[in-house]
Amino acid sequence: MNIPQKDVLLKKLEGLEQMPSIPVVVTPLLHYLEQPLERLEVQRVVDMISQDKSLAAQCLRMANSPLFGRWQSVESVRDAVVALGMQRMRDIVFSCSVLTLMPAEQTQLDPVVFWEHSLGCALVCRHFARKIAFPDPGKAYLAGLLHDIGVLVNLWLLPEEFRIAMETARSKRIPLHEAEMSILGITHCDSGRLLAERWSLSPDLVEVASLHHDLRAAKANPPLLALVSLADLLCRMGGIGYGYPEERQVDLLAEPAFAILLQHCPTLQDFDWARLTFELEAYLDEVSRLVTVLYRPQ
């Protein structure tokens, strides 16, 4: 495919109305959960989640994962809200709602593989953020979860073109965005920006969706973008990428993202990377198990 077709592809990407939207209950629920904690009522949150039975069931499955801090079973939405707190319920609700956005038919990218990477990146972002005293681990979680929403756009609106890019990435074992650029002239970052803006996400989340592979234009929240970029690399190096191994050498300390994050989180200078890598091995195994339970329930 020649680069001059880029304009044709961008025109196709304007058809975002062809994509499914997140469940109708989610937007008001997330808006409600943005309020100060003292204004939130447990029963109202429970009632809003319970309006969507599928969402409620998935929230319970996720709430029972040790990744969200529970080692004892919770059996009702109310138990989950009380046990986990409003912040983690916001994370869980958004995570479960975006699970519905993958095309139902067979695609070049296995849904479980995609959600392993997205949820893995979200959880690594949150874990990493806490380790380096990043000021908003909750925002880091959402940023990690949503960083690849452009892949969903490409699966819906550019299925054949994306299939060729995916096959190229897999056969050459190169990063997906590099294959997209060489084949399409655009990447999932371009698509991600369009969807993030359509969803009216905050400016820093729009930047995460559109710039996580090119941090030079970061303005809204450079350390958040850098955190996601490093978490994305950690996941791909840890075997939770796009379903194939990338043949590349990565030195995290030489990454532009590391330099940006170091300016804002000085403790990163003495960070114990070996310990983090050890912790993430078990972490990413649990991510794989959880996504399989969520996406392919028995």
C-alpha atoms as a PDB file:
ATOM      1  CA  MET A   1       0.000   0.000   0.000  1.00  0.00           C
ATOM      2  CA  ASN A   2       1.383   3.382  -0.984  1.00  0.00           C
ATOM      3  CA  ILE A   3       1.628   6.338   1.383  1.00  0.00           C
ATOM      4  CA  PRO A   4      -0.487   8.591  -0.928  1.00  0.00           C
ATOM      5  CA  GLN A   5      -3.522   6.591   0.221  1.00  0.00           C
ATOM      6  CA  LYS A   6      -3.127   8.117   3.665  1.00  0.00           C
ATOM      7  CA  ASP A   7      -5.823  10.726   2.902  1.00  0.00           C
ATOM      8  CA  VAL A   8      -8.239   7.968   1.877  1.00  0.00           C
ATOM      9  CA  LEU A   9      -7.642   6.159   5.161  1.00  0.00           C
ATOM     10  CA  LEU A  10      -8.080   9.326   7.199  1.00  0.00           C
ATOM     11  CA  LYS A  11     -11.412   9.858   5.432  1.00  0.00           C
ATOM     12  CA  LYS A  12     -12.489   6.359   6.451  1.00  0.00           C
ATOM     13  CA  LEU A  13     -11.585   7.157  10.035  1.00  0.00           C
ATOM     14  CA  GLU A  14     -14.237   9.868  10.083  1.00  0.00           C
ATOM     15  CA  GLY A  15     -16.842   7.104  10.267  1.00  0.00           C
ATOM     16  CA  LEU A  16     -16.530   6.732  14.020  1.00  0.00           C
ATOM     17  CA  GLU A  17     -20.316   6.501  14.374  1.00  0.00           C
ATOM     18  CA  GLN A  18     -19.981   2.952  13.004  1.00  0.00           C
ATOM     19  CA  MET A  19     -18.239   1.926  16.211  1.00  0.00           C
ATOM     20  CA  PRO A  20     -20.162   0.805  19.281  1.00  0.00           C
ATOM     21  CA  SER A  21     -20.202   3.211  22.200  1.00  0.00           C
ATOM     22  CA  ILE A  22     -19.487   2.346  25.804  1.00  0.00           C
ATOM     23  CA  PRO A  23     -22.587   1.157  27.740  1.00  0.00           C
ATOM     24  CA  VAL A  24     -25.066   3.973  28.352  1.00  0.00           C
ATOM     25  CA  VAL A  25     -24.789   3.648  32.144  1.00  0.00           C
ATOM     26  CA  VAL A  26     -21.030   4.204  32.156  1.00  0.00           C
ATOM     27  CA  THR A  27     -20.757   7.878  31.228  1.00  0.00           C
ATOM     28  CA  PRO A  28     -22.998   9.213  34.043  1.00  0.00           C
ATOM     29  CA  LEU A  29     -21.437   6.742  36.473  1.00  0.00           C
ATOM     30  CA  LEU A  30     -17.895   7.860  35.670  1.00  0.00           C
ATOM     31  CA  HIS A  31     -18.980  11.486  35.858  1.00  0.00           C
ATOM     32  CA  TYR A  32     -20.508  10.823  39.283  1.00  0.00           C
ATOM     33  CA  LEU A  33     -17.361   9.069  40.518  1.00  0.00           C
ATOM     34  CA  GLU A  34     -15.241  12.107  39.602  1.00  0.00           C
ATOM     35  CA  GLN A  35     -16.784  14.029  42.528  1.00  0.00           C
ATOM     36  CA  PRO A  36     -15.022  14.367  45.886  1.00  0.00           C
ATOM     37  CA  LEU A  37     -15.323  11.185  47.948  1.00  0.00           C
ATOM     38  CA  GLU A  38     -17.360  12.850  50.673  1.00  0.00           C
ATOM     39  CA  ARG A  39     -20.156  13.540  48.179  1.00  0.00           C
ATOM     40  CA  LEU A  40     -20.451   9.985  46.920  1.00  0.00           C
ATOM     41  CA  GLU A  41     -23.154   7.616  48.097  1.00  0.00           C
ATOM     42  CA  VAL A  42     -22.423   3.893  48.037  1.00  0.00           C
ATOM     43  CA  GLN A  43     -26.009   2.910  47.246  1.00  0.00           C
ATOM     44  CA  ARG A  44     -26.194   5.252  44.262  1.00  0.00           C
ATOM     45  CA  VAL A  45     -23.031   3.747  42.783  1.00  0.00           C
ATOM     46  CA  VAL A  46     -24.398   0.245  43.400  1.00  0.00           C
ATOM     47  CA  ASP A  47     -27.709   1.133  41.722  1.00  0.00           C
ATOM     48  CA  MET A  48     -25.983   2.644  38.671  1.00  0.00           C
ATOM     49  CA  ILE A  49     -23.723  -0.372  38.136  1.00  0.00           C
ATOM     50  CA  SER A  50     -26.626  -2.774  38.676  1.00  0.00           C
ATOM     51  CA  GLN A  51     -28.605  -1.193  35.813  1.00  0.00           C
ATOM     52  CA  ASP A  52     -26.440  -3.158  33.382  1.00  0.00           C
ATOM     53  CA  LYS A  53     -26.436  -6.831  34.411  1.00  0.00           C
ATOM     54  CA  SER A  54     -23.546  -7.767  32.134  1.00  0.00           C
ATOM     55  CA  LEU A  55     -21.466  -4.882  33.465  1.00  0.00           C
ATOM     56  CA  ALA A  56     -22.331  -5.826  37.054  1.00  0.00           C
ATOM     57  CA  ALA A  57     -21.273  -9.450  36.486  1.00  0.00           C
ATOM     58  CA  GLN A  58     -17.955  -8.434  34.927  1.00  0.00           C
ATOM     59  CA  CYS A  59     -17.298  -5.924  37.695  1.00  0.00           C
ATOM     60  CA  LEU A  60     -17.733  -8.711  40.245  1.00  0.00           C
ATOM     61  CA  ARG A  61     -15.300 -10.977  38.396  1.00  0.00           C
ATOM     62  CA  MET A  62     -12.705  -8.221  38.290  1.00  0.00           C
ATOM     63  CA  ALA A  63     -13.351  -7.156  41.891  1.00  0.00           C
ATOM     64  CA  ASN A  64     -12.457 -10.666  43.023  1.00  0.00           C
ATOM     65  CA  SER A  65      -9.020 -10.532  41.422  1.00  0.00           C
ATOM     66  CA  PRO A  66      -5.984  -9.999  43.682  1.00  0.00           C
ATOM     67  CA  LEU A  67      -4.911  -7.362  41.135  1.00  0.00           C
ATOM     68  CA  PHE A  68      -7.513  -5.118  42.738  1.00  0.00           C
ATOM     69  CA  GLY A  69      -6.497  -5.873  46.278  1.00  0.00           C
ATOM     70  CA  ARG A  70      -9.003  -8.558  47.233  1.00  0.00           C
ATOM     71  CA  TRP A  71      -7.903 -11.869  48.685  1.00  0.00           C
ATOM     72  CA  GLN A  72     -11.355 -12.750  50.030  1.00  0.00           C
ATOM     73  CA  SER A  73     -14.394 -13.246  47.823  1.00  0.00           C
ATOM     74  CA  VAL A  74     -16.976 -10.494  47.346  1.00  0.00           C
ATOM     75  CA  GLU A  75     -20.388 -11.719  46.251  1.00  0.00           C
ATOM     76  CA  SER A  76     -22.395  -8.581  45.486  1.00  0.00           C
ATOM     77  CA  VAL A  77     -21.845  -5.258  43.775  1.00  0.00           C
ATOM     78  CA  ARG A  78     -22.409  -3.519  47.112  1.00  0.00           C
ATOM     79  CA  ASP A  79     -19.740  -5.677  48.777  1.00  0.00           C
ATOM     80  CA  ALA A  80     -17.357  -4.781  45.959  1.00  0.00           C
ATOM     81  CA  VAL A  81     -17.972  -1.044  46.251  1.00  0.00           C
ATOM     82  CA  VAL A  82     -17.561  -1.106  50.043  1.00  0.00           C
ATOM     83  CA  ALA A  83     -14.477  -3.354  49.976  1.00  0.00           C
ATOM     84  CA  LEU A  84     -12.619  -1.725  47.103  1.00  0.00           C
ATOM     85  CA  GLY A  85     -13.624   1.915  47.377  1.00  0.00           C
ATOM     86  CA  MET A  86     -14.853   4.397  44.776  1.00  0.00           C
ATOM     87  CA  GLN A  87     -11.518   4.922  42.992  1.00  0.00           C
ATOM     88  CA  ARG A  88     -10.993   1.255  42.228  1.00  0.00           C
ATOM     89  CA  MET A  89     -14.640   0.812  41.240  1.00  0.00           C
ATOM     90  CA  ARG A  90     -14.177   3.608  38.701  1.00  0.00           C
ATOM     91  CA  ASP A  91     -11.182   1.742  37.285  1.00  0.00           C
ATOM     92  CA  ILE A  92     -13.120  -1.524  37.182  1.00  0.00           C
ATOM     93  CA  VAL A  93     -16.242  -0.012  35.596  1.00  0.00           C
ATOM     94  CA  PHE A  94     -14.255   1.639  32.823  1.00  0.00           C
ATOM     95  CA  SER A  95     -12.201  -1.516  32.260  1.00  0.00           C
ATOM     96  CA  CYS A  96     -15.287  -3.700  31.956  1.00  0.00           C
ATOM     97  CA  SER A  97     -17.099  -1.253  29.689  1.00  0.00           C
ATOM     98  CA  VAL A  98     -14.331  -1.002  27.117  1.00  0.00           C
ATOM     99  CA  LEU A  99     -14.226  -4.810  26.901  1.00  0.00           C
ATOM    100  CA  THR A 100     -17.435  -4.536  24.850  1.00  0.00           C
ATOM    101  CA  LEU A 101     -15.862  -2.499  22.066  1.00  0.00           C
ATOM    102  CA  MET A 102     -13.982  -5.220  20.162  1.00  0.00           C
ATOM    103  CA  PRO A 103     -15.622  -6.357  16.879  1.00  0.00           C
ATOM    104  CA  ALA A 104     -17.557  -9.590  17.314  1.00  0.00           C
ATOM    105  CA  GLU A 105     -16.243 -11.241  14.156  1.00  0.00           C
ATOM    106  CA  GLN A 106     -12.801 -12.800  13.837  1.00  0.00           C
ATOM    107  CA  THR A 107     -10.062 -10.201  13.503  1.00  0.00           C
ATOM    108  CA  GLN A 108      -6.321 -10.243  12.951  1.00  0.00           C
ATOM    109  CA  LEU A 109      -5.851  -9.476  16.649  1.00  0.00           C
ATOM    110  CA  ASP A 110      -7.199 -11.865  19.299  1.00  0.00           C
ATOM    111  CA  PRO A 111      -9.404  -9.889  21.741  1.00  0.00           C
ATOM    112  CA  VAL A 112      -7.771 -11.622  24.715  1.00  0.00           C
ATOM    113  CA  VAL A 113      -4.320 -10.591  23.467  1.00  0.00           C
ATOM    114  CA  PHE A 114      -5.446  -6.983  23.010  1.00  0.00           C
ATOM    115  CA  TRP A 115      -7.077  -6.716  26.431  1.00  0.00           C
ATOM    116  CA  GLU A 116      -4.166  -8.427  28.140  1.00  0.00           C
ATOM    117  CA  HIS A 117      -1.943  -5.684  26.800  1.00  0.00           C
ATOM    118  CA  SER A 118      -4.352  -2.850  27.638  1.00  0.00           C
ATOM    119  CA  LEU A 119      -5.222  -4.048  31.140  1.00  0.00           C
ATOM    120  CA  GLY A 120      -1.625  -5.063  31.742  1.00  0.00           C
ATOM    121  CA  CYS A 121      -0.439  -1.598  30.798  1.00  0.00           C
ATOM    122  CA  ALA A 122      -3.089  -0.040  33.072  1.00  0.00           C
ATOM    123  CA  LEU A 123      -2.034  -2.102  36.067  1.00  0.00           C
ATOM    124  CA  VAL A 124       1.682  -1.646  35.418  1.00  0.00           C
ATOM    125  CA  CYS A 125       1.107   2.112  35.130  1.00  0.00           C
ATOM    126  CA  ARG A 126      -0.664   2.156  38.488  1.00  0.00           C
ATOM    127  CA  HIS A 127       1.953  -0.050  40.168  1.00  0.00           C
ATOM    128  CA  PHE A 128       4.871   1.912  38.688  1.00  0.00           C
ATOM    129  CA  ALA A 129       3.201   5.239  39.592  1.00  0.00           C
ATOM    130  CA  ARG A 130       2.955   4.251  43.246  1.00  0.00           C
ATOM    131  CA  LYS A 131       6.567   3.087  43.315  1.00  0.00           C
ATOM    132  CA  ILE A 132       7.908   6.450  42.098  1.00  0.00           C
ATOM    133  CA  ALA A 133       5.428   8.668  44.009  1.00  0.00           C
ATOM    134  CA  PHE A 134       3.633   9.779  40.852  1.00  0.00           C
ATOM    135  CA  PRO A 135       0.831  12.063  42.119  1.00  0.00           C
ATOM    136  CA  ASP A 136      -2.186  10.368  40.460  1.00  0.00           C
ATOM    137  CA  PRO A 137      -2.030   6.543  40.195  1.00  0.00           C
ATOM    138  CA  GLY A 138      -5.736   6.479  39.297  1.00  0.00           C
ATOM    139  CA  LYS A 139      -5.179   8.659  36.239  1.00  0.00           C
ATOM    140  CA  ALA A 140      -2.162   6.502  35.374  1.00  0.00           C
ATOM    141  CA  TYR A 141      -4.421   3.427  35.393  1.00  0.00           C
ATOM    142  CA  LEU A 142      -6.962   4.976  33.008  1.00  0.00           C
ATOM    143  CA  ALA A 143      -4.201   6.269  30.741  1.00  0.00           C
ATOM    144  CA  GLY A 144      -2.671   2.807  30.487  1.00  0.00           C
ATOM    145  CA  LEU A 145      -6.040   1.205  29.835  1.00  0.00           C
ATOM    146  CA  LEU A 146      -6.942   3.623  27.030  1.00  0.00           C
ATOM    147  CA  HIS A 147      -3.575   4.169  25.371  1.00  0.00           C
ATOM    148  CA  ASP A 148      -4.328   1.784  22.477  1.00  0.00           C
ATOM    149  CA  ILE A 149      -7.960   2.682  21.730  1.00  0.00           C
ATOM    150  CA  GLY A 150      -6.785   3.589  18.225  1.00  0.00           C
ATOM    151  CA  VAL A 151      -6.268  -0.131  17.581  1.00  0.00           C
ATOM    152  CA  LEU A 152     -10.012  -0.611  18.140  1.00  0.00           C
ATOM    153  CA  VAL A 153     -10.752   2.122  15.600  1.00  0.00           C
ATOM    154  CA  ASN A 154      -8.510   0.464  13.026  1.00  0.00           C
ATOM    155  CA  LEU A 155     -10.124  -2.933  13.622  1.00  0.00           C
ATOM    156  CA  TRP A 156     -13.585  -1.436  13.006  1.00  0.00           C
ATOM    157  CA  LEU A 157     -12.905   1.046  10.211  1.00  0.00           C
ATOM    158  CA  LEU A 158      -9.735  -0.197   8.474  1.00  0.00           C
ATOM    159  CA  PRO A 159      -9.984  -3.987   8.893  1.00  0.00           C
ATOM    160  CA  GLU A 160      -8.218  -5.028   5.682  1.00  0.00           C
ATOM    161  CA  GLU A 161      -5.513  -2.380   5.884  1.00  0.00           C
ATOM    162  CA  PHE A 162      -4.903  -3.170   9.542  1.00  0.00           C
ATOM    163  CA  ARG A 163      -4.729  -6.897   8.742  1.00  0.00           C
ATOM    164  CA  ILE A 164      -1.847  -6.259   6.340  1.00  0.00           C
ATOM    165  CA  ALA A 165      -0.067  -4.067   8.903  1.00  0.00           C
ATOM    166  CA  MET A 166      -0.543  -6.693  11.599  1.00  0.00           C
ATOM    167  CA  GLU A 167       0.819  -9.461   9.352  1.00  0.00           C
ATOM    168  CA  THR A 168       3.823  -7.273   8.533  1.00  0.00           C
ATOM    169  CA  ALA A 169       4.516  -6.572  12.209  1.00  0.00           C
ATOM    170  CA  ARG A 170       4.232 -10.252  13.074  1.00  0.00           C
ATOM    171  CA  SER A 171       6.406 -11.513  10.213  1.00  0.00           C
ATOM    172  CA  LYS A 172       9.120  -8.906  10.748  1.00  0.00           C
ATOM    173  CA  ARG A 173       8.729  -8.909  14.554  1.00  0.00           C
ATOM    174  CA  ILE A 174       8.683  -5.125  14.643  1.00  0.00           C
ATOM    175  CA  PRO A 175       6.562  -2.769  16.798  1.00  0.00           C
ATOM    176  CA  LEU A 176       2.994  -2.507  15.519  1.00  0.00           C
ATOM    177  CA  HIS A 177       3.093   1.263  15.044  1.00  0.00           C
ATOM    178  CA  GLU A 178       6.180   0.946  12.844  1.00  0.00           C
ATOM    179  CA  ALA A 179       4.409  -1.579  10.615  1.00  0.00           C
ATOM    180  CA  GLU A 180       1.313   0.631  10.454  1.00  0.00           C
ATOM    181  CA  MET A 181       3.367   3.624   9.390  1.00  0.00           C
ATOM    182  CA  SER A 182       5.213   1.696   6.702  1.00  0.00           C
ATOM    183  CA  ILE A 183       2.031   0.134   5.300  1.00  0.00           C
ATOM    184  CA  LEU A 184      -0.670   2.737   5.971  1.00  0.00           C
ATOM    185  CA  GLY A 185       1.147   6.018   6.462  1.00  0.00           C
ATOM    186  CA  ILE A 186      -0.782   6.446   9.724  1.00  0.00           C
ATOM    187  CA  THR A 187      -0.813   4.566  13.031  1.00  0.00           C
ATOM    188  CA  HIS A 188      -3.243   3.637  15.773  1.00  0.00           C
ATOM    189  CA  CYS A 189      -2.081   6.838  17.471  1.00  0.00           C
ATOM    190  CA  ASP A 190      -3.777   8.918  14.746  1.00  0.00           C
ATOM    191  CA  SER A 191      -6.934   6.839  15.129  1.00  0.00           C
ATOM    192  CA  GLY A 192      -6.711   7.019  18.908  1.00  0.00           C
ATOM    193  CA  ARG A 193      -6.676  10.796  18.902  1.00  0.00           C
ATOM    194  CA  LEU A 194      -9.914  10.890  16.883  1.00  0.00           C
ATOM    195  CA  LEU A 195     -11.726   8.501  19.234  1.00  0.00           C
ATOM    196  CA  ALA A 196     -10.373  10.145  22.395  1.00  0.00           C
ATOM    197  CA  GLU A 197     -11.640  13.509  21.183  1.00  0.00           C
ATOM    198  CA  ARG A 198     -15.003  12.006  20.221  1.00  0.00           C
ATOM    199  CA  TRP A 199     -15.319  10.558  23.732  1.00  0.00           C
ATOM    200  CA  SER A 200     -14.421  14.012  25.142  1.00  0.00           C
ATOM    201  CA  LEU A 201     -11.556  12.586  27.171  1.00  0.00           C
ATOM    202  CA  SER A 202      -9.367  15.009  29.091  1.00  0.00           C
ATOM    203  CA  PRO A 203      -6.487  16.630  27.133  1.00  0.00           C
ATOM    204  CA  ASP A 204      -3.853  14.505  28.867  1.00  0.00           C
ATOM    205  CA  LEU A 205      -5.693  11.271  27.965  1.00  0.00           C
ATOM    206  CA  VAL A 206      -6.055  12.477  24.373  1.00  0.00           C
ATOM    207  CA  GLU A 207      -2.287  12.946  24.307  1.00  0.00           C
ATOM    208  CA  VAL A 208      -1.734   9.475  25.718  1.00  0.00           C
ATOM    209  CA  ALA A 209      -3.858   7.926  22.957  1.00  0.00           C
ATOM    210  CA  SER A 210      -2.136   9.947  20.241  1.00  0.00           C
ATOM    211  CA  LEU A 211       1.480  10.414  21.381  1.00  0.00           C
ATOM    212  CA  HIS A 212       2.546   7.379  23.425  1.00  0.00           C
ATOM    213  CA  HIS A 213       5.013   6.383  20.682  1.00  0.00           C
ATOM    214  CA  ASP A 214       6.259   9.950  20.080  1.00  0.00           C
ATOM    215  CA  LEU A 215       6.615  12.075  23.194  1.00  0.00           C
ATOM    216  CA  ARG A 216       8.151  15.138  21.527  1.00  0.00           C
ATOM    217  CA  ALA A 217       4.852  17.013  21.183  1.00  0.00           C
ATOM    218  CA  ALA A 218       3.691  16.369  24.761  1.00  0.00           C
ATOM    219  CA  LYS A 219       2.144  19.418  26.412  1.00  0.00           C
ATOM    220  CA  ALA A 220      -0.801  18.488  28.637  1.00  0.00           C
ATOM    221  CA  ASN A 221       0.920  16.057  31.022  1.00  0.00           C
ATOM    222  CA  PRO A 222       4.386  14.898  29.868  1.00  0.00           C
ATOM    223  CA  PRO A 223       5.119  12.720  32.945  1.00  0.00           C
ATOM    224  CA  LEU A 224       1.825  10.829  32.506  1.00  0.00           C
ATOM    225  CA  LEU A 225       2.616  10.229  28.843  1.00  0.00           C
ATOM    226  CA  ALA A 226       6.136   9.100  29.751  1.00  0.00           C
ATOM    227  CA  LEU A 227       4.786   6.728  32.400  1.00  0.00           C
ATOM    228  CA  VAL A 228       2.464   5.080  29.860  1.00  0.00           C
ATOM    229  CA  SER A 229       5.237   4.837  27.273  1.00  0.00           C
ATOM    230  CA  LEU A 230       7.513   3.006  29.720  1.00  0.00           C
ATOM    231  CA  ALA A 231       4.703   0.748  30.964  1.00  0.00           C
ATOM    232  CA  ASP A 232       3.822  -0.123  27.375  1.00  0.00           C
ATOM    233  CA  LEU A 233       7.451  -1.135  26.750  1.00  0.00           C
ATOM    234  CA  LEU A 234       7.615  -3.146  29.986  1.00  0.00           C
ATOM    235  CA  CYS A 235       4.490  -5.087  28.998  1.00  0.00           C
ATOM    236  CA  ARG A 236       5.729  -5.803  25.484  1.00  0.00           C
ATOM    237  CA  MET A 237       9.127  -6.891  26.803  1.00  0.00           C
ATOM    238  CA  GLY A 238       7.315  -9.045  29.385  1.00  0.00           C
ATOM    239  CA  GLY A 239       5.385 -10.966  26.728  1.00  0.00           C
ATOM    240  CA  ILE A 240       2.104  -9.046  26.912  1.00  0.00           C
ATOM    241  CA  GLY A 241       2.129  -7.233  23.604  1.00  0.00           C
ATOM    242  CA  TYR A 242       0.237  -8.006  20.412  1.00  0.00           C
ATOM    243  CA  GLY A 243       0.679 -11.764  20.337  1.00  0.00           C
ATOM    244  CA  TYR A 244       4.147 -11.984  18.847  1.00  0.00           C
ATOM    245  CA  PRO A 245       7.698 -11.332  20.118  1.00  0.00           C
ATOM    246  CA  GLU A 246       9.428  -8.148  18.981  1.00  0.00           C
ATOM    247  CA  GLU A 247      13.049  -8.531  17.951  1.00  0.00           C
ATOM    248  CA  ARG A 248      14.549  -5.411  19.413  1.00  0.00           C
ATOM    249  CA  GLN A 249      16.864  -4.374  22.196  1.00  0.00           C
ATOM    250  CA  VAL A 250      15.367  -1.944  24.704  1.00  0.00           C
ATOM    251  CA  ASP A 251      17.288   0.090  27.259  1.00  0.00           C
ATOM    252  CA  LEU A 252      14.642   1.713  29.415  1.00  0.00           C
ATOM    253  CA  LEU A 253      17.148   4.150  30.898  1.00  0.00           C
ATOM    254  CA  ALA A 254      17.956   5.469  27.409  1.00  0.00           C
ATOM    255  CA  GLU A 255      14.311   5.977  26.450  1.00  0.00           C
ATOM    256  CA  PRO A 256      13.110   9.596  25.999  1.00  0.00           C
ATOM    257  CA  ALA A 257      10.257   8.709  28.362  1.00  0.00           C
ATOM    258  CA  PHE A 258      12.717   7.942  31.145  1.00  0.00           C
ATOM    259  CA  ALA A 259      14.363  11.364  30.816  1.00  0.00           C
ATOM    260  CA  ILE A 260      10.968  13.109  30.964  1.00  0.00           C
ATOM    261  CA  LEU A 261       9.785  11.114  33.964  1.00  0.00           C
ATOM    262  CA  LEU A 262      13.047  11.668  35.800  1.00  0.00           C
ATOM    263  CA  GLN A 263      12.485  15.440  35.677  1.00  0.00           C
ATOM    264  CA  HIS A 264       9.195  15.055  37.539  1.00  0.00           C
ATOM    265  CA  CYS A 265       9.914  12.048  39.758  1.00  0.00           C
ATOM    266  CA  PRO A 266      13.509  12.321  41.042  1.00  0.00           C
ATOM    267  CA  THR A 267      13.234   9.051  42.983  1.00  0.00           C
ATOM    268  CA  LEU A 268      13.389   7.306  39.621  1.00  0.00           C
ATOM    269  CA  GLN A 269      17.157   7.882  39.615  1.00  0.00           C
ATOM    270  CA  ASP A 270      17.650   5.211  42.285  1.00  0.00           C
ATOM    271  CA  PHE A 271      14.779   2.988  41.205  1.00  0.00           C
ATOM    272  CA  ASP A 272      15.169  -0.784  41.673  1.00  0.00           C
ATOM    273  CA  TRP A 273      14.391  -2.036  38.154  1.00  0.00           C
ATOM    274  CA  ALA A 274      15.345  -5.629  38.965  1.00  0.00           C
ATOM    275  CA  ARG A 275      12.787  -5.733  41.772  1.00  0.00           C
ATOM    276  CA  LEU A 276      10.091  -4.221  39.538  1.00  0.00           C
ATOM    277  CA  THR A 277      10.798  -6.784  36.817  1.00  0.00           C
ATOM    278  CA  PHE A 278      10.505  -9.599  39.368  1.00  0.00           C
ATOM    279  CA  GLU A 279       7.201  -8.215  40.693  1.00  0.00           C
ATOM    280  CA  LEU A 280       5.778  -7.776  37.213  1.00  0.00           C
ATOM    281  CA  GLU A 281       6.320 -11.414  36.231  1.00  0.00           C
ATOM    282  CA  ALA A 282       3.682 -12.604  38.690  1.00  0.00           C
ATOM    283  CA  TYR A 283       1.588  -9.504  38.009  1.00  0.00           C
ATOM    284  CA  LEU A 284       1.387 -10.125  34.269  1.00  0.00           C
ATOM    285  CA  ASP A 285       0.551 -13.807  34.795  1.00  0.00           C
ATOM    286  CA  GLU A 286      -2.462 -12.731  36.839  1.00  0.00           C
ATOM    287  CA  VAL A 287      -3.430 -10.210  34.143  1.00  0.00           C
ATOM    288  CA  SER A 288      -3.534 -13.034  31.590  1.00  0.00           C
ATOM    289  CA  ARG A 289      -5.699 -15.152  33.871  1.00  0.00           C
ATOM    290  CA  LEU A 290      -8.079 -12.300  34.641  1.00  0.00           C
ATOM    291  CA  VAL A 291      -8.593 -11.257  31.020  1.00  0.00           C
ATOM    292  CA  THR A 292      -9.314 -14.845  30.019  1.00  0.00           C
ATOM    293  CA  VAL A 293     -11.939 -15.064  32.777  1.00  0.00           C
ATOM    294  CA  LEU A 294     -13.491 -11.745  31.711  1.00  0.00           C
ATOM    295  CA  TYR A 295     -13.453 -12.291  27.986  1.00  0.00           C
ATOM    296  CA  ARG A 296     -13.950 -16.031  27.782  1.00  0.00           C
ATOM    297  CA  PRO A 297     -16.043 -16.932  30.836  1.00  0.00           C
ATOM    298  CA  GLN A 298     -16.709 -20.643  31.161  1.00  0.00           C
END
